[in-house]
Amino acid sequence: MKKIYFRVFKLSILVCLILMIVPNATIEVPVQVSAETNLAKADIAVFGSDISNSTYFNYDYLTFDESTKQKVEKHDALFITADFFRNADTEKLRAFLKNLDLPIVFIGFADKGTAAFMNSTVSKSEMYLEGALDTQMLYYFNENEYAGFAAPDFKKESQKRLNNAIQLANEADSLPEWNELETMIWSEE
């Protein structure tokens, strides 16, 4: 009789362990990592022309007219190139971008204030901002607070820093948290 109780006890423990482990099991999807840097490659939606191959980004070229918020937000960030912007309807583009919840990166925008474009109704010709850098990222936490990042070009070192900024923006839940994460990552370099 004791043997039966002991077997039932062992079986009960085994069932309990299985019930505890299986619901908490996760399926790990392999993250594509740059062999050169050990940074996860960011998946990028792009409005615009072909951007050079990158160690840090996987590109998905989309057309603005066929894009939806859900389609774009499947990515880690949205890149907007200067050539696309030149021909875009600024009011439609601004309205679309304001509803996105991911970093928006403007590439080829030296001497243009993209924050002014996003935060007001300035026209393309009014966006001139002396000293503005070529690559500018904005990530909105709410209507009034956004994280920013800028790089002088879109070369390899700038892409590495931009990849870090995109990952940080996607991790942060607030502007203070972004500031804390940003300070940590740049001080580690």
N, C-alpha and C. Protein backbone atom coordinates (compact mmCIF):
# COMPACT_ATOMS: atom_id res chain seq x y z
N MET A 1 0.81 -1.19 0.00
CA MET A 1 0.00 0.00 0.00
C MET A 1 0.86 1.26 0.00
N LYS A 2 1.95 1.22 0.78
CA LYS A 2 2.84 2.38 0.82
C LYS A 2 3.46 2.65 -0.54
N LYS A 3 3.74 1.58 -1.29
CA LYS A 3 4.31 1.74 -2.62
C LYS A 3 3.35 2.49 -3.54
N ILE A 4 2.07 2.19 -3.43
CA ILE A 4 1.08 2.86 -4.26
C ILE A 4 1.00 4.35 -3.90
N TYR A 5 0.97 4.66 -2.61
CA TYR A 5 0.95 6.06 -2.19
C TYR A 5 2.20 6.80 -2.66
N PHE A 6 3.32 6.13 -2.56
CA PHE A 6 4.58 6.74 -2.97
C PHE A 6 4.57 7.01 -4.48
N ARG A 7 4.07 6.07 -5.27
CA ARG A 7 3.98 6.26 -6.72
C ARG A 7 3.01 7.39 -7.06
N VAL A 8 1.87 7.42 -6.39
CA VAL A 8 0.89 8.49 -6.62
C VAL A 8 1.51 9.84 -6.24
N PHE A 9 2.24 9.88 -5.15
CA PHE A 9 2.90 11.10 -4.71
C PHE A 9 3.91 11.58 -5.76
N LYS A 10 4.75 10.65 -6.26
CA LYS A 10 5.74 11.00 -7.29
C LYS A 10 5.04 11.47 -8.56
N LEU A 11 3.97 10.79 -8.94
CA LEU A 11 3.23 11.18 -10.13
C LEU A 11 2.60 12.57 -9.95
N SER A 12 2.09 12.85 -8.78
CA SER A 12 1.50 14.16 -8.49
C SER A 12 2.54 15.26 -8.60
N ILE A 13 3.71 15.01 -8.06
CA ILE A 13 4.79 16.00 -8.14
C ILE A 13 5.19 16.22 -9.60
N LEU A 14 5.29 15.16 -10.36
CA LEU A 14 5.64 15.27 -11.76
C LEU A 14 4.60 16.08 -12.53
N VAL A 15 3.33 15.81 -12.29
CA VAL A 15 2.25 16.56 -12.94
C VAL A 15 2.32 18.03 -12.56
N CYS A 16 2.55 18.32 -11.30
CA CYS A 16 2.66 19.72 -10.84
C CYS A 16 3.82 20.43 -11.53
N LEU A 17 4.95 19.76 -11.62
CA LEU A 17 6.11 20.36 -12.30
C LEU A 17 5.81 20.63 -13.77
N ILE A 18 5.19 19.70 -14.42
CA ILE A 18 4.84 19.88 -15.83
C ILE A 18 3.88 21.06 -15.98
N LEU A 19 2.89 21.13 -15.12
CA LEU A 19 1.93 22.23 -15.19
C LEU A 19 2.58 23.58 -14.90
N MET A 20 3.62 23.59 -14.11
CA MET A 20 4.32 24.85 -13.81
C MET A 20 5.25 25.24 -14.94
N ILE A 21 5.90 24.29 -15.56
CA ILE A 21 6.90 24.59 -16.59
C ILE A 21 6.28 24.89 -17.94
N VAL A 22 5.36 24.09 -18.40
CA VAL A 22 4.82 24.22 -19.75
C VAL A 22 4.15 25.57 -19.99
N PRO A 23 3.27 26.08 -19.11
CA PRO A 23 2.66 27.38 -19.40
C PRO A 23 3.67 28.52 -19.45
N ASN A 24 4.80 28.37 -18.77
CA ASN A 24 5.81 29.43 -18.76
C ASN A 24 6.86 29.26 -19.83
N ALA A 25 6.74 28.21 -20.63
CA ALA A 25 7.71 27.99 -21.69
C ALA A 25 7.53 29.05 -22.77
N THR A 26 8.62 29.48 -23.34
CA THR A 26 8.57 30.46 -24.41
C THR A 26 9.28 29.90 -25.63
N ILE A 27 8.81 30.33 -26.76
CA ILE A 27 9.45 29.96 -28.01
C ILE A 27 10.40 31.10 -28.35
N GLU A 28 11.66 30.80 -28.44
CA GLU A 28 12.63 31.83 -28.74
C GLU A 28 12.84 31.92 -30.24
N VAL A 29 12.60 33.12 -30.78
CA VAL A 29 12.83 33.37 -32.18
C VAL A 29 14.25 33.90 -32.31
N PRO A 30 15.04 33.32 -33.18
CA PRO A 30 16.41 33.81 -33.29
C PRO A 30 16.44 35.25 -33.78
N VAL A 31 17.24 36.07 -33.13
CA VAL A 31 17.39 37.47 -33.49
C VAL A 31 18.57 37.57 -34.43
N GLN A 32 18.35 38.24 -35.55
CA GLN A 32 19.45 38.41 -36.49
C GLN A 32 20.41 39.44 -35.90
N VAL A 33 21.65 39.05 -35.75
CA VAL A 33 22.65 39.90 -35.12
C VAL A 33 23.75 40.17 -36.12
N SER A 34 24.25 41.38 -36.10
CA SER A 34 25.37 41.73 -36.95
C SER A 34 26.59 40.97 -36.48
N ALA A 35 27.22 40.23 -37.37
CA ALA A 35 28.41 39.46 -37.01
C ALA A 35 29.55 40.39 -36.61
N GLU A 36 29.52 41.58 -37.13
CA GLU A 36 30.59 42.52 -36.90
C GLU A 36 30.50 43.20 -35.54
N THR A 37 29.27 43.39 -35.03
CA THR A 37 29.11 44.22 -33.85
C THR A 37 28.38 43.57 -32.68
N ASN A 38 27.76 42.44 -32.89
CA ASN A 38 26.93 41.79 -31.88
C ASN A 38 25.69 42.60 -31.51
N LEU A 39 25.33 43.58 -32.30
CA LEU A 39 24.09 44.34 -32.09
C LEU A 39 22.98 43.68 -32.89
N ALA A 40 21.80 43.60 -32.32
CA ALA A 40 20.67 43.08 -33.07
C ALA A 40 20.40 44.03 -34.23
N LYS A 41 20.12 43.46 -35.41
CA LYS A 41 19.79 44.29 -36.56
C LYS A 41 18.36 44.79 -36.39
N ALA A 42 18.15 46.05 -36.60
CA ALA A 42 16.82 46.64 -36.50
C ALA A 42 16.09 46.44 -37.81
N ASP A 43 14.80 46.11 -37.73
CA ASP A 43 13.96 45.98 -38.92
C ASP A 43 13.37 47.36 -39.22
N ILE A 44 13.64 47.84 -40.42
CA ILE A 44 13.30 49.21 -40.78
C ILE A 44 12.33 49.26 -41.95
N ALA A 45 11.24 50.01 -41.78
CA ALA A 45 10.36 50.35 -42.89
C ALA A 45 10.96 51.59 -43.53
N VAL A 46 10.93 51.68 -44.84
CA VAL A 46 11.53 52.83 -45.53
C VAL A 46 10.52 53.43 -46.50
N PHE A 47 10.34 54.74 -46.39
CA PHE A 47 9.64 55.52 -47.41
C PHE A 47 10.74 56.24 -48.17
N GLY A 48 10.96 55.85 -49.41
CA GLY A 48 11.97 56.55 -50.19
C GLY A 48 12.86 55.62 -50.97
N SER A 49 13.98 56.18 -51.38
CA SER A 49 14.90 55.48 -52.28
C SER A 49 15.76 54.47 -51.54
N ASP A 50 16.47 53.69 -52.33
CA ASP A 50 17.35 52.66 -51.81
C ASP A 50 18.42 53.27 -50.91
N ILE A 51 18.56 52.69 -49.74
CA ILE A 51 19.59 53.11 -48.79
C ILE A 51 20.68 52.06 -48.85
N SER A 52 21.90 52.47 -48.65
CA SER A 52 23.01 51.53 -48.75
C SER A 52 22.82 50.33 -47.82
N ASN A 53 23.40 49.19 -48.23
CA ASN A 53 23.36 48.02 -47.36
C ASN A 53 23.94 48.39 -46.02
N SER A 54 23.48 47.73 -45.00
CA SER A 54 23.91 48.09 -43.65
C SER A 54 24.16 46.86 -42.80
N THR A 55 25.15 46.98 -41.96
CA THR A 55 25.46 45.97 -40.97
C THR A 55 24.44 46.00 -39.84
N TYR A 56 23.72 47.10 -39.71
CA TYR A 56 22.87 47.35 -38.55
C TYR A 56 21.37 47.29 -38.82
N PHE A 57 20.95 47.27 -40.10
CA PHE A 57 19.53 47.37 -40.42
C PHE A 57 19.12 46.39 -41.51
N ASN A 58 17.89 45.88 -41.38
CA ASN A 58 17.21 45.14 -42.44
C ASN A 58 16.13 46.06 -42.97
N TYR A 59 16.08 46.28 -44.27
CA TYR A 59 15.15 47.25 -44.86
C TYR A 59 13.94 46.58 -45.51
N ASP A 60 12.80 47.23 -45.37
CA ASP A 60 11.56 46.84 -46.03
C ASP A 60 11.02 48.12 -46.68
N TYR A 61 11.14 48.22 -48.01
CA TYR A 61 10.72 49.42 -48.73
C TYR A 61 9.21 49.39 -48.94
N LEU A 62 8.54 50.42 -48.46
CA LEU A 62 7.08 50.52 -48.54
C LEU A 62 6.69 51.73 -49.36
N THR A 63 5.49 51.69 -49.91
CA THR A 63 4.95 52.89 -50.56
C THR A 63 4.03 53.57 -49.56
N PHE A 64 4.07 54.87 -49.55
CA PHE A 64 3.28 55.63 -48.59
C PHE A 64 1.78 55.39 -48.80
N ASP A 65 1.34 55.40 -50.05
CA ASP A 65 -0.09 55.27 -50.35
C ASP A 65 -0.67 53.93 -49.90
N GLU A 66 0.14 52.88 -49.87
CA GLU A 66 -0.34 51.56 -49.50
C GLU A 66 -0.03 51.20 -48.05
N SER A 67 0.60 52.09 -47.32
CA SER A 67 1.01 51.80 -45.95
C SER A 67 -0.10 52.11 -44.95
N THR A 68 -0.15 51.28 -43.93
CA THR A 68 -1.06 51.51 -42.82
C THR A 68 -0.22 51.61 -41.54
N LYS A 69 -0.83 52.13 -40.52
CA LYS A 69 -0.16 52.22 -39.22
C LYS A 69 0.32 50.83 -38.78
N GLN A 70 -0.54 49.84 -38.90
CA GLN A 70 -0.20 48.48 -38.47
C GLN A 70 0.96 47.91 -39.28
N LYS A 71 0.97 48.16 -40.57
CA LYS A 71 2.03 47.64 -41.44
C LYS A 71 3.38 48.26 -41.08
N VAL A 72 3.39 49.56 -40.83
CA VAL A 72 4.64 50.26 -40.51
C VAL A 72 5.11 49.88 -39.10
N GLU A 73 4.19 49.78 -38.16
CA GLU A 73 4.58 49.51 -36.77
C GLU A 73 5.03 48.07 -36.51
N LYS A 74 5.03 47.23 -37.53
CA LYS A 74 5.62 45.90 -37.41
C LYS A 74 7.14 45.99 -37.39
N HIS A 75 7.67 47.16 -37.70
CA HIS A 75 9.10 47.38 -37.78
C HIS A 75 9.60 48.09 -36.51
N ASP A 76 10.92 48.16 -36.38
CA ASP A 76 11.52 48.84 -35.23
C ASP A 76 11.55 50.35 -35.41
N ALA A 77 11.56 50.81 -36.66
CA ALA A 77 11.61 52.24 -36.95
C ALA A 77 11.16 52.48 -38.39
N LEU A 78 10.89 53.73 -38.71
CA LEU A 78 10.56 54.15 -40.07
C LEU A 78 11.61 55.14 -40.53
N PHE A 79 12.24 54.87 -41.67
CA PHE A 79 13.18 55.80 -42.28
C PHE A 79 12.46 56.55 -43.39
N ILE A 80 12.66 57.85 -43.43
CA ILE A 80 12.12 58.69 -44.50
C ILE A 80 13.31 59.35 -45.17
N THR A 81 13.45 59.12 -46.48
CA THR A 81 14.58 59.71 -47.20
C THR A 81 14.18 61.07 -47.76
N ALA A 82 15.18 61.91 -48.00
CA ALA A 82 14.95 63.27 -48.48
C ALA A 82 14.24 63.27 -49.83
N ASP A 83 14.57 62.34 -50.72
CA ASP A 83 13.92 62.31 -52.03
C ASP A 83 12.43 62.00 -51.91
N PHE A 84 12.04 61.11 -51.01
CA PHE A 84 10.63 60.83 -50.80
C PHE A 84 9.93 62.08 -50.26
N PHE A 85 10.57 62.73 -49.30
CA PHE A 85 9.99 63.89 -48.64
C PHE A 85 9.73 65.04 -49.62
N ARG A 86 10.66 65.24 -50.56
CA ARG A 86 10.52 66.33 -51.55
C ARG A 86 9.20 66.23 -52.31
N ASN A 87 8.77 65.02 -52.60
CA ASN A 87 7.57 64.83 -53.41
C ASN A 87 6.32 64.49 -52.60
N ALA A 88 6.43 64.37 -51.30
CA ALA A 88 5.30 63.95 -50.47
C ALA A 88 4.35 65.11 -50.17
N ASP A 89 3.11 64.77 -49.97
CA ASP A 89 2.11 65.73 -49.49
C ASP A 89 2.38 65.90 -48.00
N THR A 90 2.91 67.05 -47.61
CA THR A 90 3.37 67.24 -46.23
C THR A 90 2.25 67.10 -45.21
N GLU A 91 1.07 67.55 -45.51
CA GLU A 91 -0.03 67.45 -44.54
C GLU A 91 -0.43 66.00 -44.31
N LYS A 92 -0.54 65.21 -45.38
CA LYS A 92 -0.87 63.80 -45.22
C LYS A 92 0.24 63.06 -44.49
N LEU A 93 1.48 63.36 -44.86
CA LEU A 93 2.62 62.69 -44.22
C LEU A 93 2.68 63.04 -42.74
N ARG A 94 2.55 64.31 -42.40
CA ARG A 94 2.60 64.75 -41.00
C ARG A 94 1.50 64.07 -40.19
N ALA A 95 0.29 64.01 -40.72
CA ALA A 95 -0.82 63.37 -40.01
C ALA A 95 -0.54 61.88 -39.80
N PHE A 96 0.00 61.22 -40.80
CA PHE A 96 0.32 59.79 -40.69
C PHE A 96 1.40 59.57 -39.64
N LEU A 97 2.47 60.36 -39.69
CA LEU A 97 3.60 60.17 -38.78
C LEU A 97 3.22 60.44 -37.33
N LYS A 98 2.34 61.40 -37.09
CA LYS A 98 1.95 61.74 -35.72
C LYS A 98 1.22 60.60 -35.02
N ASN A 99 0.67 59.67 -35.77
CA ASN A 99 -0.06 58.55 -35.17
C ASN A 99 0.78 57.31 -34.98
N LEU A 100 2.03 57.35 -35.38
CA LEU A 100 2.90 56.17 -35.25
C LEU A 100 3.52 56.08 -33.87
N ASP A 101 3.72 54.84 -33.43
CA ASP A 101 4.37 54.60 -32.15
C ASP A 101 5.68 53.83 -32.39
N LEU A 102 6.60 54.50 -33.05
CA LEU A 102 7.93 53.95 -33.29
C LEU A 102 8.85 55.10 -33.69
N PRO A 103 10.15 54.91 -33.58
CA PRO A 103 11.07 55.98 -33.98
C PRO A 103 10.94 56.31 -35.47
N ILE A 104 10.96 57.59 -35.77
CA ILE A 104 10.92 58.07 -37.15
C ILE A 104 12.27 58.71 -37.43
N VAL A 105 12.94 58.24 -38.48
CA VAL A 105 14.28 58.71 -38.79
C VAL A 105 14.26 59.37 -40.16
N PHE A 106 14.71 60.61 -40.20
CA PHE A 106 14.80 61.37 -41.43
C PHE A 106 16.25 61.32 -41.90
N ILE A 107 16.49 60.86 -43.14
CA ILE A 107 17.85 60.71 -43.66
C ILE A 107 18.05 61.64 -44.84
N GLY A 108 19.13 62.42 -44.80
CA GLY A 108 19.44 63.37 -45.86
C GLY A 108 18.80 64.73 -45.59
N PHE A 109 18.64 65.10 -44.32
CA PHE A 109 17.93 66.31 -43.95
C PHE A 109 18.85 67.37 -43.33
N ALA A 110 20.11 67.43 -43.76
CA ALA A 110 21.02 68.44 -43.24
C ALA A 110 20.41 69.83 -43.46
N ASP A 111 20.53 70.65 -42.44
CA ASP A 111 20.00 72.03 -42.46
C ASP A 111 18.47 72.10 -42.55
N LYS A 112 17.81 71.04 -42.13
CA LYS A 112 16.34 71.06 -42.08
C LYS A 112 15.90 70.63 -40.68
N GLY A 113 14.95 71.35 -40.13
CA GLY A 113 14.44 71.05 -38.80
C GLY A 113 13.26 70.11 -38.87
N THR A 114 13.51 68.81 -38.72
CA THR A 114 12.42 67.84 -38.80
C THR A 114 11.50 67.93 -37.59
N ALA A 115 12.03 68.33 -36.45
CA ALA A 115 11.17 68.51 -35.27
C ALA A 115 10.18 69.64 -35.52
N ALA A 116 10.62 70.68 -36.20
CA ALA A 116 9.71 71.78 -36.54
C ALA A 116 8.61 71.28 -37.48
N PHE A 117 8.98 70.43 -38.41
CA PHE A 117 7.99 69.84 -39.32
C PHE A 117 6.96 69.03 -38.55
N MET A 118 7.42 68.21 -37.63
CA MET A 118 6.52 67.33 -36.89
C MET A 118 5.68 68.08 -35.86
N ASN A 119 6.21 69.13 -35.27
CA ASN A 119 5.55 69.79 -34.14
C ASN A 119 4.80 71.06 -34.51
N SER A 120 4.74 71.39 -35.78
CA SER A 120 4.01 72.60 -36.19
C SER A 120 3.47 72.37 -37.59
N THR A 121 3.10 73.43 -38.24
CA THR A 121 2.56 73.32 -39.60
C THR A 121 3.49 74.01 -40.60
N VAL A 122 4.78 74.04 -40.32
CA VAL A 122 5.70 74.69 -41.24
C VAL A 122 5.71 73.96 -42.58
N SER A 123 5.94 74.72 -43.62
CA SER A 123 6.02 74.13 -44.96
C SER A 123 7.45 73.63 -45.19
N LYS A 124 7.66 72.94 -46.28
CA LYS A 124 8.99 72.43 -46.61
C LYS A 124 10.00 73.57 -46.71
N SER A 125 9.59 74.67 -47.29
CA SER A 125 10.51 75.79 -47.46
C SER A 125 10.84 76.49 -46.14
N GLU A 126 10.00 76.32 -45.13
CA GLU A 126 10.24 76.95 -43.82
C GLU A 126 11.03 76.06 -42.86
N MET A 127 11.44 74.89 -43.31
CA MET A 127 12.12 73.94 -42.44
C MET A 127 13.63 74.21 -42.30
N TYR A 128 14.14 75.23 -42.95
CA TYR A 128 15.58 75.49 -42.90
C TYR A 128 16.02 75.71 -41.44
N LEU A 129 17.05 75.00 -41.04
CA LEU A 129 17.61 75.14 -39.71
C LEU A 129 19.12 74.96 -39.82
N GLU A 130 19.83 76.06 -39.78
CA GLU A 130 21.28 76.01 -39.94
C GLU A 130 21.90 75.11 -38.88
N GLY A 131 22.77 74.23 -39.34
CA GLY A 131 23.48 73.35 -38.42
C GLY A 131 22.76 72.04 -38.11
N ALA A 132 21.52 71.87 -38.60
CA ALA A 132 20.82 70.60 -38.37
C ALA A 132 21.58 69.48 -39.07
N LEU A 133 21.69 68.35 -38.42
CA LEU A 133 22.48 67.25 -38.95
C LEU A 133 21.71 66.42 -39.98
N ASP A 134 22.44 65.64 -40.77
CA ASP A 134 21.89 64.87 -41.88
C ASP A 134 20.85 63.84 -41.45
N THR A 135 21.12 63.10 -40.39
CA THR A 135 20.24 62.02 -39.94
C THR A 135 19.61 62.41 -38.60
N GLN A 136 18.29 62.46 -38.57
CA GLN A 136 17.59 62.93 -37.37
C GLN A 136 16.49 61.93 -37.00
N MET A 137 16.49 61.49 -35.75
CA MET A 137 15.48 60.58 -35.25
C MET A 137 14.59 61.29 -34.23
N LEU A 138 13.29 61.03 -34.31
CA LEU A 138 12.33 61.51 -33.32
C LEU A 138 11.50 60.32 -32.88
N TYR A 139 11.27 60.22 -31.57
CA TYR A 139 10.39 59.19 -31.03
C TYR A 139 9.48 59.86 -30.01
N TYR A 140 8.17 59.81 -30.26
CA TYR A 140 7.21 60.50 -29.41
C TYR A 140 6.68 59.59 -28.31
N PHE A 141 6.82 60.05 -27.06
CA PHE A 141 6.24 59.35 -25.92
C PHE A 141 4.80 59.79 -25.72
N ASN A 142 4.53 61.02 -26.04
CA ASN A 142 3.18 61.57 -26.02
C ASN A 142 3.21 62.81 -26.91
N GLU A 143 2.15 63.55 -26.92
CA GLU A 143 2.03 64.69 -27.83
C GLU A 143 3.09 65.77 -27.58
N ASN A 144 3.56 65.88 -26.36
CA ASN A 144 4.49 66.97 -26.01
C ASN A 144 5.91 66.54 -25.74
N GLU A 145 6.16 65.25 -25.59
CA GLU A 145 7.51 64.79 -25.25
C GLU A 145 8.03 63.80 -26.30
N TYR A 146 9.24 64.08 -26.76
CA TYR A 146 9.85 63.17 -27.72
C TYR A 146 11.34 63.07 -27.47
N ALA A 147 11.88 61.91 -27.82
CA ALA A 147 13.32 61.69 -27.75
C ALA A 147 13.89 62.07 -29.10
N GLY A 148 15.10 62.56 -29.08
CA GLY A 148 15.75 62.93 -30.33
C GLY A 148 17.15 62.37 -30.40
N PHE A 149 17.59 62.14 -31.61
CA PHE A 149 18.95 61.69 -31.87
C PHE A 149 19.33 62.26 -33.23
N ALA A 150 20.58 62.66 -33.38
CA ALA A 150 21.03 63.18 -34.67
C ALA A 150 22.46 62.74 -34.93
N ALA A 151 22.76 62.53 -36.21
CA ALA A 151 24.11 62.16 -36.63
C ALA A 151 24.48 63.00 -37.85
N PRO A 152 25.76 63.29 -38.01
CA PRO A 152 26.18 64.16 -39.11
C PRO A 152 26.06 63.52 -40.49
N ASP A 153 25.93 62.19 -40.55
CA ASP A 153 25.89 61.48 -41.83
C ASP A 153 25.19 60.14 -41.63
N PHE A 154 25.26 59.30 -42.65
CA PHE A 154 24.66 57.96 -42.54
C PHE A 154 25.74 56.91 -42.79
N LYS A 155 26.94 57.20 -42.33
CA LYS A 155 28.06 56.27 -42.48
C LYS A 155 28.01 55.24 -41.36
N LYS A 156 28.92 54.28 -41.42
CA LYS A 156 28.91 53.11 -40.54
C LYS A 156 28.83 53.46 -39.05
N GLU A 157 29.66 54.35 -38.56
CA GLU A 157 29.65 54.68 -37.13
C GLU A 157 28.33 55.35 -36.73
N SER A 158 27.82 56.20 -37.60
CA SER A 158 26.53 56.84 -37.33
C SER A 158 25.40 55.82 -37.33
N GLN A 159 25.48 54.83 -38.22
CA GLN A 159 24.46 53.78 -38.25
C GLN A 159 24.48 52.97 -36.95
N LYS A 160 25.66 52.69 -36.45
CA LYS A 160 25.78 51.95 -35.19
C LYS A 160 25.11 52.72 -34.05
N ARG A 161 25.40 54.00 -33.96
CA ARG A 161 24.80 54.83 -32.90
C ARG A 161 23.29 54.95 -33.09
N LEU A 162 22.86 55.07 -34.35
CA LEU A 162 21.43 55.15 -34.64
C LEU A 162 20.73 53.86 -34.26
N ASN A 163 21.33 52.72 -34.55
CA ASN A 163 20.77 51.43 -34.15
C ASN A 163 20.57 51.40 -32.64
N ASN A 164 21.58 51.85 -31.89
CA ASN A 164 21.45 51.91 -30.42
C ASN A 164 20.30 52.82 -30.02
N ALA A 165 20.21 53.98 -30.65
CA ALA A 165 19.15 54.94 -30.30
C ALA A 165 17.77 54.36 -30.58
N ILE A 166 17.62 53.66 -31.70
CA ILE A 166 16.34 53.04 -32.04
C ILE A 166 15.97 51.99 -30.99
N GLN A 167 16.92 51.16 -30.62
CA GLN A 167 16.64 50.14 -29.62
C GLN A 167 16.28 50.76 -28.28
N LEU A 168 16.99 51.81 -27.89
CA LEU A 168 16.69 52.49 -26.62
C LEU A 168 15.31 53.12 -26.64
N ALA A 169 14.98 53.78 -27.74
CA ALA A 169 13.67 54.44 -27.84
C ALA A 169 12.56 53.41 -27.72
N ASN A 170 12.74 52.26 -28.32
CA ASN A 170 11.73 51.21 -28.25
C ASN A 170 11.64 50.57 -26.86
N GLU A 171 12.69 50.68 -26.07
CA GLU A 171 12.68 50.15 -24.70
C GLU A 171 12.09 51.12 -23.70
N ALA A 172 12.29 52.41 -23.92
CA ALA A 172 11.87 53.42 -22.95
C ALA A 172 10.36 53.62 -22.98
N ASP A 173 9.80 53.83 -21.78
CA ASP A 173 8.37 54.09 -21.66
C ASP A 173 8.06 55.56 -21.43
N SER A 174 9.10 56.36 -21.19
CA SER A 174 8.89 57.77 -20.91
C SER A 174 10.15 58.54 -21.27
N LEU A 175 10.03 59.85 -21.34
CA LEU A 175 11.19 60.68 -21.65
C LEU A 175 12.26 60.59 -20.56
N PRO A 176 11.91 60.61 -19.27
CA PRO A 176 12.95 60.43 -18.25
C PRO A 176 13.68 59.09 -18.37
N GLU A 177 12.94 58.04 -18.71
CA GLU A 177 13.58 56.73 -18.88
C GLU A 177 14.50 56.75 -20.09
N TRP A 178 14.08 57.40 -21.18
CA TRP A 178 14.94 57.55 -22.37
C TRP A 178 16.23 58.28 -21.98
N ASN A 179 16.10 59.37 -21.24
CA ASN A 179 17.28 60.14 -20.84
C ASN A 179 18.25 59.29 -20.02
N GLU A 180 17.71 58.48 -19.15
CA GLU A 180 18.54 57.61 -18.32
C GLU A 180 19.24 56.55 -19.18
N LEU A 181 18.50 55.89 -20.04
CA LEU A 181 19.07 54.86 -20.92
C LEU A 181 20.09 55.47 -21.88
N GLU A 182 19.76 56.63 -22.43
CA GLU A 182 20.65 57.29 -23.39
C GLU A 182 21.98 57.64 -22.73
N THR A 183 21.93 58.14 -21.52
CA THR A 183 23.15 58.49 -20.79
C THR A 183 23.99 57.26 -20.55
N MET A 184 23.36 56.15 -20.18
CA MET A 184 24.09 54.91 -19.93
C MET A 184 24.77 54.40 -21.19
N ILE A 185 24.04 54.34 -22.30
CA ILE A 185 24.60 53.73 -23.51
C ILE A 185 25.71 54.57 -24.09
N TRP A 186 25.58 55.87 -24.10
CA TRP A 186 26.63 56.70 -24.70
C TRP A 186 27.86 56.74 -23.80
N SER A 187 27.67 56.62 -22.50
CA SER A 187 28.83 56.61 -21.60
C SER A 187 29.60 55.30 -21.68
N GLU A 188 28.94 54.22 -22.15
CA GLU A 188 29.61 52.93 -22.29
C GLU A 188 30.48 52.86 -23.52
N GLU A 189 30.27 53.73 -24.49
CA GLU A 189 31.04 53.67 -25.75
C GLU A 189 32.46 54.17 -25.56
